[in-house]
């Protein structure tokens, strides 16, 4: 059983940044979370999760993120064993 670290890049829906940040923090308890400016006032949320590969997968986590209010698009930016 290994630990996996995954960083997701989340694009919030229009005017959904604060809602998405709150939902992610409250419901998913990430290891780290921050918002970053991309360009022209567009912001993305970068979230890092660490979990056992036997109990979950990045696909399951991605599906959970997509279901949250305020979340538009989700992509895996980085995934590695730790």
C-alpha atoms as a PDB file:
ATOM      1  CA  UNK A   1       0.000   0.000   0.000  1.00  0.00           C
ATOM      2  CA  UNK A   2       1.463   3.305  -1.123  1.00  0.00           C
ATOM      3  CA  UNK A   3       0.582   6.905  -0.513  1.00  0.00           C
ATOM      4  CA  UNK A   4      -0.319   9.017  -3.518  1.00  0.00           C
ATOM      5  CA  UNK A   5      -0.106  12.793  -3.839  1.00  0.00           C
ATOM      6  CA  UNK A   6      -2.296  14.419  -6.468  1.00  0.00           C
ATOM      7  CA  UNK A   7      -2.495  18.085  -7.420  1.00  0.00           C
ATOM      8  CA  UNK A   8      -5.672  19.126  -9.199  1.00  0.00           C
ATOM      9  CA  UNK A   9      -6.166  22.335 -11.137  1.00  0.00           C
ATOM     10  CA  UNK A  10      -9.763  23.458 -10.747  1.00  0.00           C
ATOM     11  CA  UNK A  11     -11.426  26.077 -12.897  1.00  0.00           C
ATOM     12  CA  UNK A  12     -14.356  27.561 -10.984  1.00  0.00           C
ATOM     13  CA  UNK A  13     -17.589  28.542 -12.669  1.00  0.00           C
ATOM     14  CA  UNK A  14     -18.058  32.242 -13.323  1.00  0.00           C
ATOM     15  CA  UNK A  15     -18.251  34.020  -9.948  1.00  0.00           C
ATOM     16  CA  UNK A  16     -17.877  30.633  -8.223  1.00  0.00           C
ATOM     17  CA  UNK A  17     -14.366  30.951  -6.791  1.00  0.00           C
ATOM     18  CA  UNK A  18     -15.390  31.587  -3.174  1.00  0.00           C
ATOM     19  CA  UNK A  19     -18.108  28.933  -3.284  1.00  0.00           C
ATOM     20  CA  UNK A  20     -15.739  26.339  -4.760  1.00  0.00           C
ATOM     21  CA  UNK A  21     -12.990  27.128  -2.223  1.00  0.00           C
ATOM     22  CA  UNK A  22     -15.412  26.743   0.696  1.00  0.00           C
ATOM     23  CA  UNK A  23     -16.929  23.518  -0.649  1.00  0.00           C
ATOM     24  CA  UNK A  24     -13.500  21.940  -1.245  1.00  0.00           C
ATOM     25  CA  UNK A  25     -12.207  22.905   2.211  1.00  0.00           C
ATOM     26  CA  UNK A  26     -15.339  21.825   4.072  1.00  0.00           C
ATOM     27  CA  UNK A  27     -16.196  18.598   2.256  1.00  0.00           C
ATOM     28  CA  UNK A  28     -12.914  17.142   0.989  1.00  0.00           C
ATOM     29  CA  UNK A  29     -10.299  18.305   3.546  1.00  0.00           C
ATOM     30  CA  UNK A  30      -7.322  18.763   1.184  1.00  0.00           C
ATOM     31  CA  UNK A  31      -3.699  18.678   2.331  1.00  0.00           C
ATOM     32  CA  UNK A  32      -3.166  22.096   0.676  1.00  0.00           C
ATOM     33  CA  UNK A  33      -5.254  24.591  -1.271  1.00  0.00           C
ATOM     34  CA  UNK A  34      -4.526  27.921  -2.967  1.00  0.00           C
ATOM     35  CA  UNK A  35      -5.906  30.113  -5.709  1.00  0.00           C
ATOM     36  CA  UNK A  36      -3.706  31.468  -8.491  1.00  0.00           C
ATOM     37  CA  UNK A  37      -4.155  34.195 -11.080  1.00  0.00           C
ATOM     38  CA  UNK A  38      -3.991  32.838 -14.610  1.00  0.00           C
ATOM     39  CA  UNK A  39      -4.656  35.900 -16.779  1.00  0.00           C
ATOM     40  CA  UNK A  40      -7.088  38.768 -17.216  1.00  0.00           C
ATOM     41  CA  UNK A  41      -8.755  38.220 -13.841  1.00  0.00           C
ATOM     42  CA  UNK A  42      -9.163  34.470 -14.317  1.00  0.00           C
ATOM     43  CA  UNK A  43      -8.255  32.416 -11.268  1.00  0.00           C
ATOM     44  CA  UNK A  44      -7.749  28.697 -10.772  1.00  0.00           C
ATOM     45  CA  UNK A  45      -7.680  26.673  -7.594  1.00  0.00           C
ATOM     46  CA  UNK A  46      -4.807  24.274  -6.994  1.00  0.00           C
ATOM     47  CA  UNK A  47      -5.553  21.535  -4.501  1.00  0.00           C
ATOM     48  CA  UNK A  48      -3.284  18.790  -3.180  1.00  0.00           C
ATOM     49  CA  UNK A  49      -4.624  15.549  -1.729  1.00  0.00           C
ATOM     50  CA  UNK A  50      -2.649  12.714  -0.159  1.00  0.00           C
ATOM     51  CA  UNK A  51      -4.288   9.311   0.210  1.00  0.00           C
ATOM     52  CA  UNK A  52      -3.637   5.561   0.267  1.00  0.00           C
ATOM     53  CA  UNK A  53      -3.852   4.073  -3.195  1.00  0.00           C
ATOM     54  CA  UNK A  54      -5.688   1.031  -1.796  1.00  0.00           C
ATOM     55  CA  UNK A  55      -8.543   3.171  -0.450  1.00  0.00           C
ATOM     56  CA  UNK A  56      -9.065   5.674  -3.253  1.00  0.00           C
ATOM     57  CA  UNK A  57      -7.873   6.861  -6.650  1.00  0.00           C
ATOM     58  CA  UNK A  58      -7.371  10.166  -8.397  1.00  0.00           C
ATOM     59  CA  UNK A  59     -10.382   9.364 -10.598  1.00  0.00           C
ATOM     60  CA  UNK A  60     -12.627   8.989  -7.547  1.00  0.00           C
ATOM     61  CA  UNK A  61     -11.291  12.230  -6.094  1.00  0.00           C
ATOM     62  CA  UNK A  62     -11.780  14.034  -9.420  1.00  0.00           C
ATOM     63  CA  UNK A  63     -15.412  12.858  -9.552  1.00  0.00           C
ATOM     64  CA  UNK A  64     -15.972  14.131  -6.005  1.00  0.00           C
ATOM     65  CA  UNK A  65     -14.538  17.549  -6.913  1.00  0.00           C
ATOM     66  CA  UNK A  66     -16.689  17.826 -10.058  1.00  0.00           C
ATOM     67  CA  UNK A  67     -19.870  17.363  -7.990  1.00  0.00           C
ATOM     68  CA  UNK A  68     -19.179  20.386  -5.768  1.00  0.00           C
ATOM     69  CA  UNK A  69     -20.950  23.726  -6.183  1.00  0.00           C
ATOM     70  CA  UNK A  70     -18.968  26.388  -8.003  1.00  0.00           C
ATOM     71  CA  UNK A  71     -16.651  23.926  -9.778  1.00  0.00           C
ATOM     72  CA  UNK A  72     -16.404  24.130 -13.560  1.00  0.00           C
ATOM     73  CA  UNK A  73     -13.536  22.057 -14.966  1.00  0.00           C
ATOM     74  CA  UNK A  74     -11.044  19.798 -13.183  1.00  0.00           C
ATOM     75  CA  UNK A  75      -7.730  18.428 -14.408  1.00  0.00           C
ATOM     76  CA  UNK A  76      -4.926  16.466 -12.817  1.00  0.00           C
ATOM     77  CA  UNK A  77      -1.821  18.615 -12.851  1.00  0.00           C
ATOM     78  CA  UNK A  78       0.526  16.186 -11.099  1.00  0.00           C
ATOM     79  CA  UNK A  79       0.316  12.725  -9.553  1.00  0.00           C
ATOM     80  CA  UNK A  80       3.069  10.820  -7.806  1.00  0.00           C
ATOM     81  CA  UNK A  81       3.787   8.148  -5.238  1.00  0.00           C
ATOM     82  CA  UNK A  82       5.256   9.374  -1.967  1.00  0.00           C
END
